[in-house]
């Protein structure tokens, strides 16, 4: 598990195991990965590469998630954890929830 301080509060990234390259500060995870943030964002994917200095993540597996405005899924994702942006790639679907924003 790893914690990251984001603009709107802490985020938590959880995975079973990974390989850390001390020279490049990159983590390669095989298997499931879960991310959650203080604002109710949740994301589940698998087989990811995390670049700690860039605070970015790229998955090689399917992704599903929830945000205040609905749910999403896609074949893979690219995420900027510091900026809290996610790019969904391959068969991306988004379901909006009426009245989802406070």
Protein backbone atom coordinates (compact mmCIF):
# COMPACT_ATOMS: atom_id res chain seq x y z
CA UNK A 1 0.00 0.00 0.00
CA UNK A 2 1.14 3.55 -0.71
CA UNK A 3 -0.28 6.91 0.28
CA UNK A 4 -0.03 10.01 -1.86
CA UNK A 5 -0.91 13.56 -0.88
CA UNK A 6 -3.22 15.06 -3.51
CA UNK A 7 -4.57 18.60 -3.79
CA UNK A 8 -7.88 17.63 -2.15
CA UNK A 9 -6.58 15.19 0.43
CA UNK A 10 -4.88 11.82 0.66
CA UNK A 11 -5.09 9.00 -1.85
CA UNK A 12 -4.33 5.33 -1.24
CA UNK A 13 -2.95 2.89 -3.80
CA UNK A 14 -3.12 -0.81 -2.83
CA UNK A 15 -1.66 -3.88 -4.55
CA UNK A 16 -0.57 -7.36 -3.54
CA UNK A 17 2.99 -7.18 -4.81
CA UNK A 18 5.21 -5.22 -7.13
CA UNK A 19 8.77 -4.72 -8.27
CA UNK A 20 10.42 -1.42 -7.37
CA UNK A 21 13.31 -0.02 -9.41
CA UNK A 22 15.28 2.22 -7.03
CA UNK A 23 17.19 3.92 -9.86
CA UNK A 24 14.11 5.04 -11.81
CA UNK A 25 11.64 5.11 -8.88
CA UNK A 26 9.16 3.04 -10.87
CA UNK A 27 6.94 0.22 -9.66
CA UNK A 28 5.65 -2.61 -11.83
CA UNK A 29 2.66 -4.44 -10.34
CA UNK A 30 1.34 -7.80 -11.54
CA UNK A 31 -2.20 -8.47 -10.38
CA UNK A 32 -5.03 -6.32 -8.97
CA UNK A 33 -4.56 -2.68 -7.99
CA UNK A 34 -7.04 -0.45 -6.15
CA UNK A 35 -6.92 3.34 -5.84
CA UNK A 36 -9.15 5.46 -3.62
CA UNK A 37 -9.18 9.14 -2.73
CA UNK A 38 -10.69 11.29 0.00
CA UNK A 39 -13.34 12.68 -2.40
CA UNK A 40 -14.97 9.33 -3.12
CA UNK A 41 -13.05 8.35 -6.25
CA UNK A 42 -12.46 4.60 -6.55
CA UNK A 43 -10.67 2.66 -9.27
CA UNK A 44 -9.80 -1.03 -9.71
CA UNK A 45 -7.46 -2.32 -12.42
CA UNK A 46 -4.62 -4.79 -12.80
CA UNK A 47 -1.07 -5.08 -14.11
CA UNK A 48 0.14 -1.49 -13.84
CA UNK A 49 3.32 0.54 -14.14
CA UNK A 50 3.65 3.43 -11.68
CA UNK A 51 6.14 6.27 -12.13
CA UNK A 52 6.54 7.79 -8.65
CA UNK A 53 8.39 11.02 -9.62
CA UNK A 54 5.79 11.78 -12.31
CA UNK A 55 2.93 10.50 -10.11
CA UNK A 56 1.52 8.62 -13.08
CA UNK A 57 0.10 5.15 -13.63
CA UNK A 58 -0.56 3.08 -16.76
CA UNK A 59 -2.52 -0.18 -16.68
CA UNK A 60 -2.18 -3.19 -18.91
CA UNK A 61 -5.51 -4.60 -17.72
CA UNK A 62 -9.20 -3.64 -17.60
CA UNK A 63 -10.25 -0.79 -15.33
CA UNK A 64 -13.51 -0.09 -13.49
CA UNK A 65 -14.28 2.79 -11.19
CA UNK A 66 -16.65 5.13 -9.41
CA UNK A 67 -16.64 8.90 -9.10
CA UNK A 68 -19.17 11.37 -7.68
CA UNK A 69 -20.91 11.65 -11.05
CA UNK A 70 -21.15 7.94 -11.95
CA UNK A 71 -19.19 4.84 -12.93
CA UNK A 72 -16.76 3.95 -15.71
CA UNK A 73 -14.93 1.04 -17.31
CA UNK A 74 -12.44 0.53 -20.13
CA UNK A 75 -9.83 -1.89 -21.44
CA UNK A 76 -6.98 0.13 -19.83
CA UNK A 77 -6.11 3.51 -18.37
CA UNK A 78 -3.50 6.20 -18.06
CA UNK A 79 -3.66 8.23 -14.85
CA UNK A 80 -1.98 11.36 -13.52
CA UNK A 81 -2.39 10.87 -9.77
CA UNK A 82 -1.29 14.39 -8.80
CA UNK A 83 -3.67 16.08 -11.27
CA UNK A 84 -6.35 13.43 -10.68
CA UNK A 85 -6.92 12.87 -14.38
CA UNK A 86 -7.65 9.51 -15.96
CA UNK A 87 -7.63 8.68 -19.65
CA UNK A 88 -9.71 5.62 -20.54
CA UNK A 89 -8.65 3.66 -23.61
CA UNK A 90 -10.38 0.86 -25.49
CA UNK A 91 -14.15 0.28 -25.22
CA UNK A 92 -14.50 3.10 -22.68
CA UNK A 93 -17.93 3.43 -21.03
CA UNK A 94 -19.21 6.07 -18.63
CA UNK A 95 -22.55 5.94 -16.79
CA UNK A 96 -23.68 9.27 -15.31
CA UNK A 97 -25.72 9.37 -12.09
CA UNK A 98 -28.47 11.99 -11.98
CA UNK A 99 -27.85 14.34 -9.04
CA UNK A 100 -24.40 12.85 -8.50
CA UNK A 101 -22.72 16.15 -7.68
CA UNK A 102 -23.49 17.87 -4.36
